[in-house]
């Protein structure tokens, strides 16, 4: 178990992480569907790409929340330090199971 937990600093950092992790995948697959499915050629491509990005980011965010406790033991925290601070927590607090109920408001955001 890690004795230190490193977290992303801000929600913007989390947004960038989730985009690089899975948001770009949603954009890629949107382009692939449009390129290979003639019926989808009428889509508003910029709007659908944006939806694909948000879908990928949502999937990535769900994974981050689902693995919060497991990854905190490895020293990784995907919840931004700024969000934890508003709850009176620091990333290291996630090593304690007692702190997890206090983290729930950050998960729902």
Protein backbone atom coordinates (compact mmCIF):
# COMPACT_ATOMS: atom_id res chain seq x y z
CA UNK A 1 0.00 0.00 0.00
CA UNK A 2 1.24 3.48 -0.85
CA UNK A 3 1.89 5.91 1.95
CA UNK A 4 1.43 8.84 -0.42
CA UNK A 5 -1.41 9.68 -2.80
CA UNK A 6 -0.93 11.96 -5.80
CA UNK A 7 -4.00 13.62 -7.23
CA UNK A 8 -4.91 15.74 -10.20
CA UNK A 9 -5.00 19.40 -9.19
CA UNK A 10 -8.17 20.70 -10.80
CA UNK A 11 -11.33 19.66 -12.60
CA UNK A 12 -9.70 20.98 -15.82
CA UNK A 13 -6.91 18.43 -15.26
CA UNK A 14 -9.53 15.70 -14.83
CA UNK A 15 -11.26 16.85 -18.01
CA UNK A 16 -7.96 16.69 -19.92
CA UNK A 17 -7.15 13.26 -18.48
CA UNK A 18 -10.54 11.80 -19.40
CA UNK A 19 -10.29 13.30 -22.89
CA UNK A 20 -6.89 11.74 -23.49
CA UNK A 21 -7.97 8.47 -21.91
CA UNK A 22 -11.29 7.90 -23.67
CA UNK A 23 -12.79 11.11 -25.06
CA UNK A 24 -10.53 10.93 -28.10
CA UNK A 25 -11.72 7.34 -28.61
CA UNK A 26 -15.32 8.53 -28.84
CA UNK A 27 -14.29 11.10 -31.41
CA UNK A 28 -12.35 8.49 -33.40
CA UNK A 29 -15.26 6.05 -33.50
CA UNK A 30 -17.67 8.79 -34.52
CA UNK A 31 -15.42 9.51 -37.50
CA UNK A 32 -15.17 5.79 -38.30
CA UNK A 33 -18.95 5.31 -38.25
CA UNK A 34 -19.50 8.31 -40.53
CA UNK A 35 -16.77 7.13 -42.91
CA UNK A 36 -18.10 3.57 -43.19
CA UNK A 37 -21.86 3.88 -42.77
CA UNK A 38 -23.41 5.83 -45.64
CA UNK A 39 -26.63 6.45 -43.68
CA UNK A 40 -24.61 8.36 -41.08
CA UNK A 41 -23.06 10.73 -43.63
CA UNK A 42 -25.94 13.15 -42.98
CA UNK A 43 -24.96 13.56 -39.32
CA UNK A 44 -23.92 16.95 -38.03
CA UNK A 45 -20.33 15.76 -37.63
CA UNK A 46 -19.07 18.45 -35.21
CA UNK A 47 -22.06 17.88 -32.92
CA UNK A 48 -21.70 14.10 -33.06
CA UNK A 49 -17.95 14.30 -32.43
CA UNK A 50 -18.64 16.41 -29.35
CA UNK A 51 -21.14 13.80 -28.15
CA UNK A 52 -18.61 11.04 -28.81
CA UNK A 53 -16.00 12.90 -26.76
CA UNK A 54 -18.40 13.43 -23.86
CA UNK A 55 -19.52 9.79 -23.98
CA UNK A 56 -15.89 8.62 -23.80
CA UNK A 57 -15.15 11.05 -20.99
CA UNK A 58 -18.21 9.85 -19.11
CA UNK A 59 -17.03 6.25 -19.40
CA UNK A 60 -13.58 7.24 -18.21
CA UNK A 61 -15.00 9.26 -15.30
CA UNK A 62 -17.15 6.32 -14.22
CA UNK A 63 -14.09 4.10 -14.18
CA UNK A 64 -12.17 6.68 -12.14
CA UNK A 65 -14.92 6.77 -9.52
CA UNK A 66 -15.37 3.01 -9.47
CA UNK A 67 -11.68 2.46 -8.85
CA UNK A 68 -11.16 5.34 -6.42
CA UNK A 69 -10.53 3.19 -3.38
CA UNK A 70 -8.51 0.58 -5.24
CA UNK A 71 -6.25 3.10 -6.95
CA UNK A 72 -5.66 5.19 -3.82
CA UNK A 73 -3.72 2.22 -2.45
CA UNK A 74 -1.40 2.47 -5.44
CA UNK A 75 -0.79 6.17 -4.88
CA UNK A 76 -3.12 7.42 -7.65
CA UNK A 77 -6.16 9.61 -7.15
CA UNK A 78 -8.34 10.81 -10.01
CA UNK A 79 -10.43 13.17 -7.91
CA UNK A 80 -9.02 16.71 -8.16
CA UNK A 81 -7.31 18.09 -5.07
CA UNK A 82 -9.40 21.24 -5.43
CA UNK A 83 -12.63 19.22 -5.17
CA UNK A 84 -11.33 17.27 -2.19
CA UNK A 85 -10.32 20.53 -0.47
CA UNK A 86 -13.91 21.81 -0.67
CA UNK A 87 -14.85 18.70 1.31
CA UNK A 88 -12.12 19.29 3.88
CA UNK A 89 -10.02 16.41 2.54
CA UNK A 90 -6.58 15.91 1.06
CA UNK A 91 -5.67 13.04 -1.29
CA UNK A 92 -3.93 11.11 1.49
CA UNK A 93 -7.26 10.93 3.36
CA UNK A 94 -8.46 8.46 0.71
CA UNK A 95 -6.20 5.83 2.25
CA UNK A 96 -8.70 5.65 5.10
CA UNK A 97 -11.98 3.83 4.37
CA UNK A 98 -13.66 6.16 6.87
CA UNK A 99 -13.12 9.11 4.51
CA UNK A 100 -14.89 7.54 1.55
CA UNK A 101 -18.45 8.58 2.55
CA UNK A 102 -17.23 12.19 2.67
CA UNK A 103 -15.97 11.86 -0.93
CA UNK A 104 -19.35 10.94 -2.41
CA UNK A 105 -20.35 14.57 -3.23
CA UNK A 106 -17.28 14.83 -5.46
CA UNK A 107 -18.23 11.59 -7.24
CA UNK A 108 -21.69 12.85 -8.07
CA UNK A 109 -20.29 16.00 -9.68
